[in-house]
Amino acid sequence: MHFDDPQFEKSYAPMSAYGQSKLAVLLFARELDRRSREAGWASVHAAHPGLTKTNLQISGHRTAAKSPH
């Protein structure tokens, strides 16, 4: 986790932001599970949703290819 720049304001990379968001969900679920078990509630689970049909996977490559730099 990039706690010093959680919103990626210093430098943005789509896949890094995506990965960090998924890690945050897993960390939240882990802590919620711990607290739920201590309280005697049901256990908590988190799962990756799988691939979706979006441009997220290719947006970085297209942007880089069009960049004049």
PDB file of N, CA and C in Angstrom:
ATOM      1  N   MET A   1       0.841  -1.179   0.000  1.00  0.00           N
ATOM      2  CA  MET A   1       0.000   0.000   0.000  1.00  0.00           C
ATOM      3  C   MET A   1       0.884   1.239   0.000  1.00  0.00           C
ATOM      4  N   HIS A   2       0.489   2.199  -0.786  1.00  0.00           N
ATOM      5  CA  HIS A   2       1.204   3.476  -0.843  1.00  0.00           C
ATOM      6  C   HIS A   2       0.483   4.471   0.068  1.00  0.00           C
ATOM      7  N   PHE A   3       0.763   4.361   1.371  1.00  0.00           N
ATOM      8  CA  PHE A   3       0.074   5.219   2.329  1.00  0.00           C
ATOM      9  C   PHE A   3       0.503   6.676   2.202  1.00  0.00           C
ATOM     10  N   ASP A   4       1.666   6.921   1.620  1.00  0.00           N
ATOM     11  CA  ASP A   4       2.132   8.297   1.434  1.00  0.00           C
ATOM     12  C   ASP A   4       1.427   8.995   0.258  1.00  0.00           C
ATOM     13  N   ASP A   5       0.821   8.220  -0.649  1.00  0.00           N
ATOM     14  CA  ASP A   5       0.120   8.793  -1.794  1.00  0.00           C
ATOM     15  C   ASP A   5      -1.040   7.873  -2.199  1.00  0.00           C
ATOM     16  N   PRO A   6      -2.050   7.718  -1.326  1.00  0.00           N
ATOM     17  CA  PRO A   6      -3.115   6.753  -1.594  1.00  0.00           C
ATOM     18  C   PRO A   6      -3.992   7.112  -2.800  1.00  0.00           C
ATOM     19  N   GLN A   7      -4.037   8.374  -3.191  1.00  0.00           N
ATOM     20  CA  GLN A   7      -4.850   8.793  -4.321  1.00  0.00           C
ATOM     21  C   GLN A   7      -4.045   8.884  -5.625  1.00  0.00           C
ATOM     22  N   PHE A   8      -2.778   8.476  -5.576  1.00  0.00           N
ATOM     23  CA  PHE A   8      -1.895   8.507  -6.748  1.00  0.00           C
ATOM     24  C   PHE A   8      -1.818   9.915  -7.350  1.00  0.00           C
ATOM     25  N   GLU A   9      -1.686  10.923  -6.489  1.00  0.00           N
ATOM     26  CA  GLU A   9      -1.582  12.302  -6.961  1.00  0.00           C
ATOM     27  C   GLU A   9      -0.181  12.620  -7.483  1.00  0.00           C
ATOM     28  N   LYS A  10       0.841  11.925  -6.979  1.00  0.00           N
ATOM     29  CA  LYS A  10       2.214  12.179  -7.439  1.00  0.00           C
ATOM     30  C   LYS A  10       2.466  11.569  -8.812  1.00  0.00           C
ATOM     31  N   SER A  11       2.014  10.364  -9.005  1.00  0.00           N
ATOM     32  CA  SER A  11       2.138   9.714 -10.309  1.00  0.00           C
ATOM     33  C   SER A  11       1.054   8.651 -10.408  1.00  0.00           C
ATOM     34  N   TYR A  12       0.340   8.664 -11.515  1.00  0.00           N
ATOM     35  CA  TYR A  12      -0.782   7.748 -11.692  1.00  0.00           C
ATOM     36  C   TYR A  12      -0.435   6.672 -12.710  1.00  0.00           C
ATOM     37  N   ALA A  13      -0.689   5.453 -12.327  1.00  0.00           N
ATOM     38  CA  ALA A  13      -0.546   4.308 -13.223  1.00  0.00           C
ATOM     39  C   ALA A  13      -1.810   3.463 -13.047  1.00  0.00           C
ATOM     40  N   PRO A  14      -2.591   3.295 -14.098  1.00  0.00           N
ATOM     41  CA  PRO A  14      -3.885   2.605 -13.965  1.00  0.00           C
ATOM     42  C   PRO A  14      -3.809   1.238 -13.287  1.00  0.00           C
ATOM     43  N   MET A  15      -2.889   0.412 -13.687  1.00  0.00           N
ATOM     44  CA  MET A  15      -2.823  -0.935 -13.114  1.00  0.00           C
ATOM     45  C   MET A  15      -2.342  -0.908 -11.663  1.00  0.00           C
ATOM     46  N   SER A  16      -1.453   0.012 -11.326  1.00  0.00           N
ATOM     47  CA  SER A  16      -1.018   0.139  -9.934  1.00  0.00           C
ATOM     48  C   SER A  16      -2.171   0.612  -9.057  1.00  0.00           C
ATOM     49  N   ALA A  17      -2.947   1.561  -9.555  1.00  0.00           N
ATOM     50  CA  ALA A  17      -4.105   2.048  -8.803  1.00  0.00           C
ATOM     51  C   ALA A  17      -5.130   0.927  -8.634  1.00  0.00           C
ATOM     52  N   TYR A  18      -5.353   0.174  -9.681  1.00  0.00           N
ATOM     53  CA  TYR A  18      -6.287  -0.953  -9.618  1.00  0.00           C
ATOM     54  C   TYR A  18      -5.808  -1.975  -8.588  1.00  0.00           C
ATOM     55  N   GLY A  19      -4.533  -2.318  -8.666  1.00  0.00           N
ATOM     56  CA  GLY A  19      -3.974  -3.294  -7.723  1.00  0.00           C
ATOM     57  C   GLY A  19      -4.067  -2.820  -6.290  1.00  0.00           C
ATOM     58  N   GLN A  20      -3.794  -1.548  -6.075  1.00  0.00           N
ATOM     59  CA  GLN A  20      -3.863  -1.012  -4.719  1.00  0.00           C
ATOM     60  C   GLN A  20      -5.304  -1.030  -4.213  1.00  0.00           C
ATOM     61  N   SER A  21      -6.254  -0.735  -5.079  1.00  0.00           N
ATOM     62  CA  SER A  21      -7.654  -0.756  -4.643  1.00  0.00           C
ATOM     63  C   SER A  21      -8.080  -2.176  -4.263  1.00  0.00           C
ATOM     64  N   LYS A  22      -7.625  -3.176  -5.010  1.00  0.00           N
ATOM     65  CA  LYS A  22      -7.957  -4.560  -4.693  1.00  0.00           C
ATOM     66  C   LYS A  22      -7.286  -4.987  -3.391  1.00  0.00           C
ATOM     67  N   LEU A  23      -6.050  -4.548  -3.164  1.00  0.00           N
ATOM     68  CA  LEU A  23      -5.358  -4.855  -1.915  1.00  0.00           C
ATOM     69  C   LEU A  23      -6.086  -4.212  -0.742  1.00  0.00           C
ATOM     70  N   ALA A  24      -6.557  -2.989  -0.910  1.00  0.00           N
ATOM     71  CA  ALA A  24      -7.297  -2.308   0.160  1.00  0.00           C
ATOM     72  C   ALA A  24      -8.560  -3.082   0.526  1.00  0.00           C
ATOM     73  N   VAL A  25      -9.261  -3.600  -0.466  1.00  0.00           N
ATOM     74  CA  VAL A  25     -10.466  -4.387  -0.202  1.00  0.00           C
ATOM     75  C   VAL A  25     -10.115  -5.643   0.593  1.00  0.00           C
ATOM     76  N   LEU A  26      -9.031  -6.308   0.209  1.00  0.00           N
ATOM     77  CA  LEU A  26      -8.621  -7.523   0.922  1.00  0.00           C
ATOM     78  C   LEU A  26      -8.195  -7.223   2.351  1.00  0.00           C
ATOM     79  N   LEU A  27      -7.450  -6.139   2.545  1.00  0.00           N
ATOM     80  CA  LEU A  27      -7.037  -5.765   3.895  1.00  0.00           C
ATOM     81  C   LEU A  27      -8.238  -5.404   4.762  1.00  0.00           C
ATOM     82  N   PHE A  28      -9.200  -4.691   4.184  1.00  0.00           N
ATOM     83  CA  PHE A  28     -10.419  -4.362   4.915  1.00  0.00           C
ATOM     84  C   PHE A  28     -11.168  -5.631   5.304  1.00  0.00           C
ATOM     85  N   ALA A  29     -11.319  -6.550   4.356  1.00  0.00           N
ATOM     86  CA  ALA A  29     -12.036  -7.797   4.626  1.00  0.00           C
ATOM     87  C   ALA A  29     -11.331  -8.609   5.701  1.00  0.00           C
ATOM     88  N   ARG A  30     -10.015  -8.617   5.675  1.00  0.00           N
ATOM     89  CA  ARG A  30      -9.256  -9.371   6.687  1.00  0.00           C
ATOM     90  C   ARG A  30      -9.501  -8.801   8.086  1.00  0.00           C
ATOM     91  N   GLU A  31      -9.462  -7.478   8.199  1.00  0.00           N
ATOM     92  CA  GLU A  31      -9.691  -6.858   9.497  1.00  0.00           C
ATOM     93  C   GLU A  31     -11.145  -7.027   9.941  1.00  0.00           C
ATOM     94  N   LEU A  32     -12.077  -6.890   9.017  1.00  0.00           N
ATOM     95  CA  LEU A  32     -13.482  -7.094   9.351  1.00  0.00           C
ATOM     96  C   LEU A  32     -13.727  -8.527   9.801  1.00  0.00           C
ATOM     97  N   ASP A  33     -13.075  -9.486   9.162  1.00  0.00           N
ATOM     98  CA  ASP A  33     -13.196 -10.887   9.563  1.00  0.00           C
ATOM     99  C   ASP A  33     -12.662 -11.082  10.976  1.00  0.00           C
ATOM    100  N   ARG A  34     -11.520 -10.483  11.263  1.00  0.00           N
ATOM    101  CA  ARG A  34     -10.942 -10.614  12.606  1.00  0.00           C
ATOM    102  C   ARG A  34     -11.891 -10.069  13.661  1.00  0.00           C
ATOM    103  N   ARG A  35     -12.424  -8.873  13.409  1.00  0.00           N
ATOM    104  CA  ARG A  35     -13.341  -8.266  14.375  1.00  0.00           C
ATOM    105  C   ARG A  35     -14.651  -9.039  14.490  1.00  0.00           C
ATOM    106  N   SER A  36     -15.134  -9.544  13.368  1.00  0.00           N
ATOM    107  CA  SER A  36     -16.379 -10.314  13.374  1.00  0.00           C
ATOM    108  C   SER A  36     -16.224 -11.593  14.177  1.00  0.00           C
ATOM    109  N   ARG A  37     -15.114 -12.274  14.010  1.00  0.00           N
ATOM    110  CA  ARG A  37     -14.880 -13.509  14.760  1.00  0.00           C
ATOM    111  C   ARG A  37     -14.768 -13.229  16.248  1.00  0.00           C
ATOM    112  N   GLU A  38     -14.087 -12.135  16.619  1.00  0.00           N
ATOM    113  CA  GLU A  38     -13.983 -11.767  18.039  1.00  0.00           C
ATOM    114  C   GLU A  38     -15.356 -11.505  18.642  1.00  0.00           C
ATOM    115  N   ALA A  39     -16.254 -10.930  17.869  1.00  0.00           N
ATOM    116  CA  ALA A  39     -17.594 -10.605  18.345  1.00  0.00           C
ATOM    117  C   ALA A  39     -18.549 -11.799  18.256  1.00  0.00           C
ATOM    118  N   GLY A  40     -18.084 -12.894  17.660  1.00  0.00           N
ATOM    119  CA  GLY A  40     -18.917 -14.077  17.520  1.00  0.00           C
ATOM    120  C   GLY A  40     -19.862 -14.020  16.342  1.00  0.00           C
ATOM    121  N   TRP A  41     -19.584 -13.133  15.402  1.00  0.00           N
ATOM    122  CA  TRP A  41     -20.430 -13.020  14.211  1.00  0.00           C
ATOM    123  C   TRP A  41     -19.929 -13.975  13.131  1.00  0.00           C
ATOM    124  N   ALA A  42     -20.539 -13.913  11.995  1.00  0.00           N
ATOM    125  CA  ALA A  42     -20.146 -14.749  10.860  1.00  0.00           C
ATOM    126  C   ALA A  42     -18.787 -14.327  10.320  1.00  0.00           C
ATOM    127  N   SER A  43     -18.128 -15.226   9.642  1.00  0.00           N
ATOM    128  CA  SER A  43     -16.841 -14.898   9.036  1.00  0.00           C
ATOM    129  C   SER A  43     -17.062 -14.068   7.763  1.00  0.00           C
ATOM    130  N   VAL A  44     -16.013 -13.380   7.340  1.00  0.00           N
ATOM    131  CA  VAL A  44     -16.069 -12.492   6.182  1.00  0.00           C
ATOM    132  C   VAL A  44     -15.143 -13.043   5.104  1.00  0.00           C
ATOM    133  N   HIS A  45     -15.552 -12.939   3.869  1.00  0.00           N
ATOM    134  CA  HIS A  45     -14.758 -13.418   2.746  1.00  0.00           C
ATOM    135  C   HIS A  45     -14.660 -12.334   1.683  1.00  0.00           C
ATOM    136  N   ALA A  46     -13.575 -12.333   0.955  1.00  0.00           N
ATOM    137  CA  ALA A  46     -13.396 -11.414  -0.174  1.00  0.00           C
ATOM    138  C   ALA A  46     -12.816 -12.216  -1.331  1.00  0.00           C
ATOM    139  N   ALA A  47     -13.226 -11.868  -2.529  1.00  0.00           N
ATOM    140  CA  ALA A  47     -12.737 -12.568  -3.708  1.00  0.00           C
ATOM    141  C   ALA A  47     -12.523 -11.583  -4.840  1.00  0.00           C
ATOM    142  N   HIS A  48     -11.585 -11.894  -5.700  1.00  0.00           N
ATOM    143  CA  HIS A  48     -11.349 -11.085  -6.889  1.00  0.00           C
ATOM    144  C   HIS A  48     -12.503 -11.338  -7.855  1.00  0.00           C
ATOM    145  N   PRO A  49     -13.061 -10.277  -8.441  1.00  0.00           N
ATOM    146  CA  PRO A  49     -14.217 -10.482  -9.320  1.00  0.00           C
ATOM    147  C   PRO A  49     -13.893 -11.095 -10.676  1.00  0.00           C
ATOM    148  N   GLY A  50     -12.626 -11.217 -10.996  1.00  0.00           N
ATOM    149  CA  GLY A  50     -12.252 -11.739 -12.303  1.00  0.00           C
ATOM    150  C   GLY A  50     -12.088 -10.618 -13.304  1.00  0.00           C
ATOM    151  N   LEU A  51     -11.842 -10.968 -14.525  1.00  0.00           N
ATOM    152  CA  LEU A  51     -11.663  -9.964 -15.569  1.00  0.00           C
ATOM    153  C   LEU A  51     -13.001  -9.406 -16.021  1.00  0.00           C
ATOM    154  N   THR A  52     -12.985  -8.152 -16.386  1.00  0.00           N
ATOM    155  CA  THR A  52     -14.174  -7.516 -16.931  1.00  0.00           C
ATOM    156  C   THR A  52     -13.810  -6.877 -18.261  1.00  0.00           C
ATOM    157  N   LYS A  53     -14.779  -6.654 -19.075  1.00  0.00           N
ATOM    158  CA  LYS A  53     -14.531  -6.065 -20.389  1.00  0.00           C
ATOM    159  C   LYS A  53     -14.482  -4.540 -20.248  1.00  0.00           C
ATOM    160  N   THR A  54     -13.286  -4.039 -19.976  1.00  0.00           N
ATOM    161  CA  THR A  54     -13.071  -2.596 -19.871  1.00  0.00           C
ATOM    162  C   THR A  54     -11.794  -2.251 -20.628  1.00  0.00           C
ATOM    163  N   ASN A  55     -11.519  -0.974 -20.755  1.00  0.00           N
ATOM    164  CA  ASN A  55     -10.281  -0.528 -21.385  1.00  0.00           C
ATOM    165  C   ASN A  55      -9.152  -0.344 -20.381  1.00  0.00           C
ATOM    166  N   LEU A  56      -9.384  -0.704 -19.131  1.00  0.00           N
ATOM    167  CA  LEU A  56      -8.371  -0.499 -18.102  1.00  0.00           C
ATOM    168  C   LEU A  56      -7.064  -1.217 -18.453  1.00  0.00           C
ATOM    169  N   GLN A  57      -7.149  -2.427 -18.945  1.00  0.00           N
ATOM    170  CA  GLN A  57      -5.953  -3.206 -19.241  1.00  0.00           C
ATOM    171  C   GLN A  57      -5.149  -2.630 -20.393  1.00  0.00           C
ATOM    172  N   ILE A  58      -5.784  -1.938 -21.312  1.00  0.00           N
ATOM    173  CA  ILE A  58      -5.073  -1.445 -22.487  1.00  0.00           C
ATOM    174  C   ILE A  58      -4.876   0.062 -22.488  1.00  0.00           C
ATOM    175  N   SER A  59      -5.500   0.770 -21.558  1.00  0.00           N
ATOM    176  CA  SER A  59      -5.444   2.235 -21.596  1.00  0.00           C
ATOM    177  C   SER A  59      -4.019   2.754 -21.461  1.00  0.00           C
ATOM    178  N   GLY A  60      -3.222   2.149 -20.628  1.00  0.00           N
ATOM    179  CA  GLY A  60      -1.846   2.606 -20.459  1.00  0.00           C
ATOM    180  C   GLY A  60      -1.025   2.419 -21.716  1.00  0.00           C
ATOM    181  N   HIS A  61      -1.220   1.324 -22.396  1.00  0.00           N
ATOM    182  CA  HIS A  61      -0.454   1.056 -23.618  1.00  0.00           C
ATOM    183  C   HIS A  61      -0.842   2.014 -24.737  1.00  0.00           C
ATOM    184  N   ARG A  62      -2.123   2.278 -24.902  1.00  0.00           N
ATOM    185  CA  ARG A  62      -2.573   3.195 -25.945  1.00  0.00           C
ATOM    186  C   ARG A  62      -2.101   4.610 -25.672  1.00  0.00           C
ATOM    187  N   THR A  63      -2.193   5.032 -24.425  1.00  0.00           N
ATOM    188  CA  THR A  63      -1.756   6.384 -24.059  1.00  0.00           C
ATOM    189  C   THR A  63      -0.257   6.530 -24.313  1.00  0.00           C
ATOM    190  N   ALA A  64       0.505   5.532 -23.926  1.00  0.00           N
ATOM    191  CA  ALA A  64       1.954   5.584 -24.110  1.00  0.00           C
ATOM    192  C   ALA A  64       2.293   5.617 -25.600  1.00  0.00           C
ATOM    193  N   ALA A  65       1.550   4.877 -26.402  1.00  0.00           N
ATOM    194  CA  ALA A  65       1.844   4.826 -27.837  1.00  0.00           C
ATOM    195  C   ALA A  65       1.547   6.154 -28.523  1.00  0.00           C
ATOM    196  N   LYS A  66       0.558   6.909 -28.040  1.00  0.00           N
ATOM    197  CA  LYS A  66       0.185   8.182 -28.635  1.00  0.00           C
ATOM    198  C   LYS A  66       0.974   9.357 -28.081  1.00  0.00           C
ATOM    199  N   SER A  67       1.702   9.128 -27.009  1.00  0.00           N
ATOM    200  CA  SER A  67       2.420  10.224 -26.351  1.00  0.00           C
ATOM    201  C   SER A  67       3.534  10.748 -27.233  1.00  0.00           C
ATOM    202  N   PRO A  68       3.659  12.078 -27.389  1.00  0.00           N
ATOM    203  CA  PRO A  68       4.739  12.635 -28.207  1.00  0.00           C
ATOM    204  C   PRO A  68       6.098  12.591 -27.518  1.00  0.00           C
ATOM    205  N   HIS A  69       6.138  12.217 -26.248  1.00  0.00           N
ATOM    206  CA  HIS A  69       7.416  12.213 -25.503  1.00  0.00           C
ATOM    207  C   HIS A  69       8.136  10.943 -25.734  1.00  0.00           C
TER     208      HIS A  69
END
